[in-house]
Protein backbone atom coordinates (compact mmCIF):
# COMPACT_ATOMS: atom_id res chain seq x y z
CA UNK A 1 0.70 7.78 -35.40
CA UNK A 2 0.26 11.33 -34.19
CA UNK A 3 4.00 12.14 -34.06
CA UNK A 4 4.33 11.02 -37.70
CA UNK A 5 1.95 13.87 -38.59
CA UNK A 6 3.88 16.44 -36.60
CA UNK A 7 2.16 16.08 -33.21
CA UNK A 8 4.29 15.87 -30.07
CA UNK A 9 3.60 12.99 -27.68
CA UNK A 10 4.67 15.33 -24.88
CA UNK A 11 2.28 18.16 -25.73
CA UNK A 12 0.72 19.63 -22.57
CA UNK A 13 -2.50 21.43 -21.77
CA UNK A 14 -2.50 24.61 -19.71
CA UNK A 15 -2.68 22.37 -16.60
CA UNK A 16 0.26 20.26 -17.87
CA UNK A 17 -1.92 17.27 -18.69
CA UNK A 18 -0.24 15.09 -21.30
CA UNK A 19 -1.66 12.52 -23.74
CA UNK A 20 -0.13 9.83 -21.53
CA UNK A 21 -2.07 11.14 -18.53
CA UNK A 22 -5.29 10.81 -20.52
CA UNK A 23 -4.45 7.35 -21.82
CA UNK A 24 -3.73 6.08 -18.30
CA UNK A 25 -6.76 7.61 -16.59
CA UNK A 26 -8.91 6.04 -19.33
CA UNK A 27 -7.17 2.65 -18.95
CA UNK A 28 -6.26 2.71 -22.64
CA UNK A 29 -3.33 0.33 -22.37
CA UNK A 30 -2.48 0.11 -26.08
CA UNK A 31 -2.49 3.90 -26.40
CA UNK A 32 -0.31 4.28 -23.31
CA UNK A 33 2.22 1.77 -24.63
CA UNK A 34 2.28 3.45 -28.05
CA UNK A 35 2.93 6.83 -26.44
CA UNK A 36 5.69 5.40 -24.26
CA UNK A 37 7.32 3.72 -27.27
CA UNK A 38 7.18 7.07 -29.07
CA UNK A 39 9.10 8.78 -26.27
CA UNK A 40 6.42 10.11 -23.95
CA UNK A 41 7.71 11.37 -20.60
CA UNK A 42 6.54 8.78 -18.07
CA UNK A 43 7.22 11.09 -15.11
CA UNK A 44 5.46 14.20 -16.38
CA UNK A 45 3.48 16.01 -13.65
CA UNK A 46 0.39 18.16 -13.87
CA UNK A 47 0.25 21.38 -11.89
CA UNK A 48 -1.42 19.32 -9.15
CA UNK A 49 1.42 16.78 -9.06
CA UNK A 50 -0.52 14.06 -10.89
CA UNK A 51 1.58 11.61 -12.90
CA UNK A 52 0.52 8.96 -15.43
CA UNK A 53 1.42 6.34 -12.81
CA UNK A 54 -0.86 7.99 -10.27
CA UNK A 55 -3.71 8.02 -12.80
CA UNK A 56 -3.15 4.33 -13.51
CA UNK A 57 -3.30 3.49 -9.80
CA UNK A 58 -6.48 5.50 -9.34
CA UNK A 59 -8.32 3.49 -12.00
CA UNK A 60 -6.59 0.23 -11.10
CA UNK A 61 -4.93 -0.41 -14.45
CA UNK A 62 -2.15 -2.83 -13.53
CA UNK A 63 -1.15 -3.15 -17.20
CA UNK A 64 -0.52 0.59 -17.45
CA UNK A 65 1.22 0.58 -14.07
CA UNK A 66 3.62 -2.15 -15.15
CA UNK A 67 4.30 -0.54 -18.53
CA UNK A 68 5.13 2.78 -16.87
CA UNK A 69 7.36 1.22 -14.23
CA UNK A 70 9.21 -0.85 -16.81
CA UNK A 71 9.81 2.38 -18.75
CA UNK A 72 11.31 4.31 -15.86
CA UNK A 73 8.37 5.77 -13.98
CA UNK A 74 9.20 6.61 -10.38
CA UNK A 75 7.29 4.15 -8.13
CA UNK A 76 6.49 6.77 -5.51
CA UNK A 77 6.02 10.49 -5.06
CA UNK A 78 9.18 12.58 -4.94
CA UNK A 79 8.01 14.36 -1.77
CA UNK A 80 5.55 13.59 1.08
CA UNK A 81 3.37 16.53 0.01
CA UNK A 82 2.78 15.12 -3.50
CA UNK A 83 0.05 12.61 -4.42
CA UNK A 84 1.26 9.05 -3.82
CA UNK A 85 0.55 6.21 -6.28
CA UNK A 86 0.83 3.60 -3.50
CA UNK A 87 -1.60 5.45 -1.23
CA UNK A 88 -4.11 5.85 -4.05
CA UNK A 89 -3.92 2.16 -4.98
CA UNK A 90 -4.39 1.19 -1.32
CA UNK A 91 -7.31 3.57 -0.82
CA UNK A 92 -9.16 1.98 -3.75
CA UNK A 93 -8.28 -1.64 -3.05
CA UNK A 94 -6.23 -2.17 -6.22
CA UNK A 95 -4.04 -4.91 -4.76
CA UNK A 96 -2.30 -5.86 -8.02
CA UNK A 97 -1.20 -2.26 -8.50
CA UNK A 98 0.04 -2.29 -4.90
CA UNK A 99 2.04 -5.44 -5.63
CA UNK A 100 3.58 -3.97 -8.78
CA UNK A 101 4.62 -0.78 -6.98
CA UNK A 102 6.22 -2.78 -4.16
CA UNK A 103 8.10 -4.95 -6.65
CA UNK A 104 9.54 -1.84 -8.25
CA UNK A 105 10.73 -0.38 -4.97
CA UNK A 106 7.95 1.77 -3.54
CA UNK A 107 8.48 2.49 0.15
CA UNK A 108 5.78 0.57 2.04
CA UNK A 109 6.21 2.87 5.05
CA UNK A 110 6.13 6.20 3.19
CA UNK A 111 4.46 8.73 5.49
CA UNK A 112 2.36 11.10 3.39
CA UNK A 113 1.22 14.37 4.89
CA UNK A 114 -2.36 14.20 6.24
CA UNK A 115 -2.72 10.53 5.20
CA UNK A 116 -0.03 8.68 7.11
CA UNK A 117 1.33 5.39 5.78
CA UNK A 118 -0.12 3.16 3.03
CA UNK A 119 -1.06 0.60 5.71
CA UNK A 120 -2.99 3.26 7.60
CA UNK A 121 -4.80 4.13 4.36
CA UNK A 122 -5.77 0.47 3.89
CA UNK A 123 -7.07 0.36 7.46
CA UNK A 124 -9.14 3.50 6.97
CA UNK A 125 -10.72 2.15 3.78
CA UNK A 126 -11.05 -1.53 4.78
CA UNK A 127 -8.87 -3.22 2.15
CA UNK A 128 -7.27 -6.25 3.86
CA UNK A 129 -5.81 -7.72 0.65
CA UNK A 130 -3.80 -4.55 0.03
CA UNK A 131 -2.82 -4.47 3.70
CA UNK A 132 -1.61 -8.05 3.45
CA UNK A 133 0.62 -7.19 0.50
CA UNK A 134 2.16 -4.33 2.46
CA UNK A 135 2.71 -6.45 5.56
CA UNK A 136 4.22 -9.30 3.55
CA UNK A 137 6.66 -6.76 2.15
CA UNK A 138 7.67 -5.69 5.64
CA UNK A 139 5.46 -2.68 6.36
CA UNK A 140 5.69 -1.56 9.98
CA UNK A 141 2.39 -2.62 11.55
CA UNK A 142 2.58 0.20 14.12
CA UNK A 143 3.09 3.13 11.74
CA UNK A 144 -0.03 5.12 10.95
CA UNK A 145 -0.36 8.86 11.31
CA UNK A 146 0.72 10.90 14.33
CA UNK A 147 -0.09 8.54 17.24
CA UNK A 148 -3.00 6.82 15.51
CA UNK A 149 -2.04 3.31 14.42
CA UNK A 150 -3.50 1.16 11.62
CA UNK A 151 -5.12 -0.95 14.35
CA UNK A 152 -6.92 2.12 15.70
CA UNK A 153 -8.23 2.93 12.22
CA UNK A 154 -9.36 -0.65 11.52
CA UNK A 155 -11.05 -0.91 14.92
CA UNK A 156 -12.84 2.39 14.45
CA UNK A 157 -14.30 1.14 11.15
CA UNK A 158 -15.24 -2.23 12.73
CA UNK A 159 -13.06 -4.12 10.21
CA UNK A 160 -12.62 -7.36 12.12
CA UNK A 161 -10.79 -9.18 9.31
CA UNK A 162 -8.24 -6.40 9.07
CA UNK A 163 -7.92 -6.18 12.84
CA UNK A 164 -7.10 -9.90 12.95
CA UNK A 165 -4.52 -9.47 10.19
CA UNK A 166 -2.80 -6.58 11.97
CA UNK A 167 -2.73 -8.51 15.24
CA UNK A 168 -1.21 -11.53 13.51
CA UNK A 169 1.61 -9.28 12.33
CA UNK A 170 2.23 -7.98 15.84
CA UNK A 171 0.07 -4.86 16.25
CA UNK A 172 0.08 -3.55 19.82
CA UNK A 173 -3.37 -3.66 21.45
CA UNK A 174 -2.25 -1.42 24.30
CA UNK A 175 -0.89 1.57 22.37
CA UNK A 176 -2.87 4.80 22.85
CA UNK A 177 -3.63 7.46 20.26
CA UNK A 178 -3.81 11.25 20.66
CA UNK A 179 -7.19 10.86 22.38
CA UNK A 180 -5.50 8.46 24.80
CA UNK A 181 -7.62 5.58 23.51
CA UNK A 182 -6.54 2.01 22.98
CA UNK A 183 -7.78 0.28 19.79
CA UNK A 184 -10.59 -1.49 21.70
CA UNK A 185 -11.79 1.90 22.93
CA UNK A 186 -11.77 3.24 19.38
CA UNK A 187 -14.07 0.45 18.16
CA UNK A 188 -17.83 1.15 18.01
CA UNK A 189 -19.47 0.16 21.34
CA UNK A 190 -21.06 -3.27 21.12
CA UNK A 191 -19.45 -4.00 17.74
CA UNK A 192 -17.98 -7.32 16.63
CA UNK A 193 -14.52 -5.76 16.62
CA UNK A 194 -14.87 -4.51 20.19
CA UNK A 195 -15.84 -7.99 21.38
CA UNK A 196 -13.01 -9.56 19.39
CA UNK A 197 -10.42 -7.20 20.88
CA UNK A 198 -11.70 -7.74 24.42
CA UNK A 199 -11.27 -11.50 24.02
CA UNK A 200 -7.85 -11.03 22.40
CA UNK A 201 -6.65 -8.85 25.28
CA UNK A 202 -7.68 -11.49 27.80
CA UNK A 203 -6.01 -14.35 25.93
CA UNK A 204 -2.27 -15.05 26.37
CA UNK A 205 -0.27 -14.86 23.15
CA UNK A 206 0.93 -18.14 21.71
CA UNK A 207 4.67 -18.68 21.91
CA UNK A 208 4.71 -19.81 18.28
CA UNK A 209 3.27 -16.47 17.11
CA UNK A 210 5.74 -14.51 19.22
CA UNK A 211 8.60 -16.55 17.75
CA UNK A 212 7.36 -15.94 14.21
CA UNK A 213 7.32 -12.20 14.74
CA UNK A 214 10.79 -12.27 16.28
CA UNK A 215 12.18 -14.27 13.36
CA UNK A 216 10.79 -11.75 10.88
CA UNK A 217 12.18 -8.83 12.90
CA UNK A 218 15.64 -10.39 12.98
CA UNK A 219 15.63 -11.08 9.25
CA UNK A 220 14.63 -7.48 8.47
CA UNK A 221 12.42 -5.98 5.80
CA UNK A 222 15.03 -6.03 3.05
CA UNK A 223 15.50 -9.80 3.37
CA UNK A 224 11.94 -11.01 3.94
CA UNK A 225 11.77 -12.25 0.35
CA UNK A 226 14.42 -14.83 1.27
CA UNK A 227 12.21 -16.55 3.85
CA UNK A 228 10.89 -19.05 1.34
CA UNK A 229 14.45 -20.09 0.46
CA UNK A 230 15.46 -21.05 3.99
CA UNK A 231 16.21 -24.77 4.53
CA UNK A 232 13.10 -25.31 6.66
CA UNK A 233 10.26 -27.82 6.52
CA UNK A 234 7.51 -26.58 4.21
CA UNK A 235 5.03 -26.27 7.06
CA UNK A 236 7.43 -24.05 9.00
CA UNK A 237 8.17 -21.96 5.91
CA UNK A 238 4.46 -21.39 5.40
CA UNK A 239 4.00 -20.44 9.05
CA UNK A 240 6.82 -17.89 9.03
CA UNK A 241 5.51 -16.45 5.75
CA UNK A 242 1.91 -16.25 7.07
CA UNK A 243 0.60 -18.65 4.42
């Protein structure tokens, strides 16, 4: 290996790019693991705040993501102004990377400057599978950016599947954004999403759905993973867990 011939695994370019950065952005899993085993710094940052974990999330390399996390990589940015691995994975629809980051403790409600929450990012980019992972982990369905909610963003992009998902998890159809618009008013005129929201607004909510949301609120985000262990009939377990 390179270090056996006198090369440092933590050598940096003028922009502080390391060999591990390059291995991860190229999805070279074996190289990344070899570098980690040889002592590469898994949290090294470029001058732009890019980490090997961030590079792995950008390209969707779940194998690199898991190797880095298992070796001590921080699952999220140290500050809201730095690039966020979870936001990048959500923006690109890399749901397995999103799941790995959540498992290792990434904050599903982290509010990044100019981008809002990971759920808002999913709504802007139309990635319902990633959004579902966040919501299952307890992401706040109302948190977006400023006064714009994920439901506003999904409606604006005419993402009916994502709109339905957000509503199932309790998104408020009456909340207004900075332009004083409700989600239905943010949807493109005449779009499928606009029609769907108009019907939803005119239809009373089912008591069963309201109870499900209340149960999840009472349990709290930190204990949602215990839902499947409750002594409940399987059908009720599935309902509460949105299966």
